[in-house]
Protein backbone atom coordinates (compact mmCIF):
# COMPACT_ATOMS: atom_id res chain seq x y z
CA MET A 1 119.15 236.91 129.44
CA GLU A 2 120.00 240.00 127.45
CA ILE A 3 117.15 242.44 126.84
CA ILE A 4 116.96 244.64 123.73
CA ILE A 5 114.39 247.44 123.84
CA GLU A 6 113.40 249.23 120.64
CA GLU A 7 113.68 253.01 120.80
CA ILE A 8 109.96 253.53 120.16
CA LEU A 9 109.19 251.26 123.14
CA GLU A 10 111.64 253.18 125.34
CA GLU A 11 109.67 256.35 124.51
CA PHE A 12 106.41 254.59 125.39
CA ILE A 13 107.81 253.53 128.79
CA GLU A 14 109.26 257.00 129.50
CA ASN A 15 105.84 258.57 128.88
CA LEU A 16 104.11 256.37 131.45
CA ASP A 17 103.41 257.72 134.93
CA THR A 18 106.03 256.91 137.56
CA THR A 19 104.13 254.01 139.12
CA SER A 20 103.35 252.34 135.79
CA GLY A 21 106.92 252.85 134.59
CA SER A 22 108.24 251.20 137.75
CA ARG A 23 105.91 248.23 137.29
CA VAL A 24 107.05 247.84 133.68
CA MET A 25 110.73 247.96 134.64
CA HIS A 26 110.15 245.41 137.42
CA THR A 27 108.55 243.00 134.92
CA ILE A 28 111.39 243.54 132.43
CA ARG A 29 113.86 242.69 135.23
CA LEU A 30 111.88 239.48 135.86
CA LEU A 31 112.19 238.61 132.17
CA LYS A 32 115.92 239.32 132.29
CA SER A 33 116.47 237.06 135.30
CA MET A 34 114.09 234.22 134.36
CA GLY A 35 114.34 234.28 130.56
CA ASN A 36 112.04 231.89 128.74
CA GLN A 37 111.08 230.31 132.07
CA LEU A 38 108.92 233.36 132.86
CA GLY A 39 105.29 232.33 132.51
CA MET A 40 101.83 233.39 133.59
CA PRO A 41 100.83 235.79 134.98
CA HIS A 42 103.84 237.80 133.74
CA SER A 43 104.33 236.39 130.25
CA LYS A 44 102.07 234.76 127.70
CA LYS A 45 102.71 233.26 124.26
CA ILE A 46 100.69 235.00 121.54
CA ASN A 47 101.81 233.02 118.47
CA ASN A 48 104.79 230.95 117.32
CA ARG A 49 107.05 234.01 117.42
CA LEU A 50 105.45 236.63 119.65
CA PHE A 51 105.09 236.82 123.44
CA GLU A 52 103.62 239.49 125.68
CA LEU A 53 104.79 240.83 129.02
CA ARG A 54 101.69 241.36 131.12
CA ILE A 55 101.78 244.25 133.56
CA ILE A 56 98.52 243.96 135.48
CA GLY A 57 96.96 246.90 137.28
CA LYS A 58 95.48 250.29 136.57
CA PRO A 59 96.32 250.69 133.76
CA SER A 60 97.08 247.23 132.40
CA ILE A 61 100.06 247.37 130.06
CA ARG A 62 101.24 244.87 127.48
CA ILE A 63 104.68 244.72 125.88
CA PHE A 64 105.29 242.41 122.94
CA TYR A 65 108.60 240.65 122.48
CA GLU A 66 110.33 237.69 120.85
CA TYR A 67 113.20 235.44 121.82
CA LYS A 68 115.96 235.54 119.25
CA ASN A 69 119.56 234.38 119.58
CA ARG A 70 119.19 233.99 123.37
CA LYS A 71 117.95 237.57 123.68
CA ALA A 72 114.54 239.06 124.39
CA HIS A 73 113.76 241.69 121.77
CA LEU A 74 111.03 244.04 123.08
CA VAL A 75 109.29 245.79 120.19
CA HIS A 76 105.86 247.25 121.08
CA GLY A 77 103.82 248.33 124.09
CA PHE A 78 100.31 249.60 124.66
CA LEU A 79 97.77 250.35 127.37
CA LYS A 80 95.22 247.56 127.44
CA LYS A 81 91.66 248.87 127.60
CA SER A 82 89.64 245.78 126.67
CA GLN A 83 89.68 242.17 127.75
CA LYS A 84 90.87 240.87 124.39
CA THR A 85 94.19 242.00 122.92
CA PRO A 86 93.37 244.08 119.82
CA GLN A 87 94.56 242.47 116.58
CA ARG A 88 95.98 245.81 115.38
CA GLU A 89 98.41 245.81 118.33
CA ILE A 90 99.58 242.29 117.45
CA ASP A 91 99.93 243.33 113.80
CA THR A 92 102.03 246.36 114.80
CA ALA A 93 104.35 244.16 116.86
CA MET A 94 104.71 241.63 114.05
CA LYS A 95 105.59 244.40 111.56
CA ARG A 96 108.29 245.67 113.91
CA LEU A 97 109.73 242.17 114.21
CA LEU A 98 110.00 241.94 110.43
CA ASN A 99 111.89 245.25 110.12
């Protein structure tokens, strides 16, 4: 599967510490090799259009993406600090999908 990473997300990943960045890249490689077959604990459906890559650890990282035209379009990432995914993070990802 082809992976498209938005520039703003590339910056987010580059600013992570080395260990976290490596974990993120490993999970993106899993998505590339498994495509829409990737499931829990690495990927979770958020709504009818949006999915999240789940990078578990200290810190926990989430990256939102959608499948479109047989490609995974990665649009937004954040450090997860609470158990529930903040609605503002979902809203940010949805806005980026619409642009």
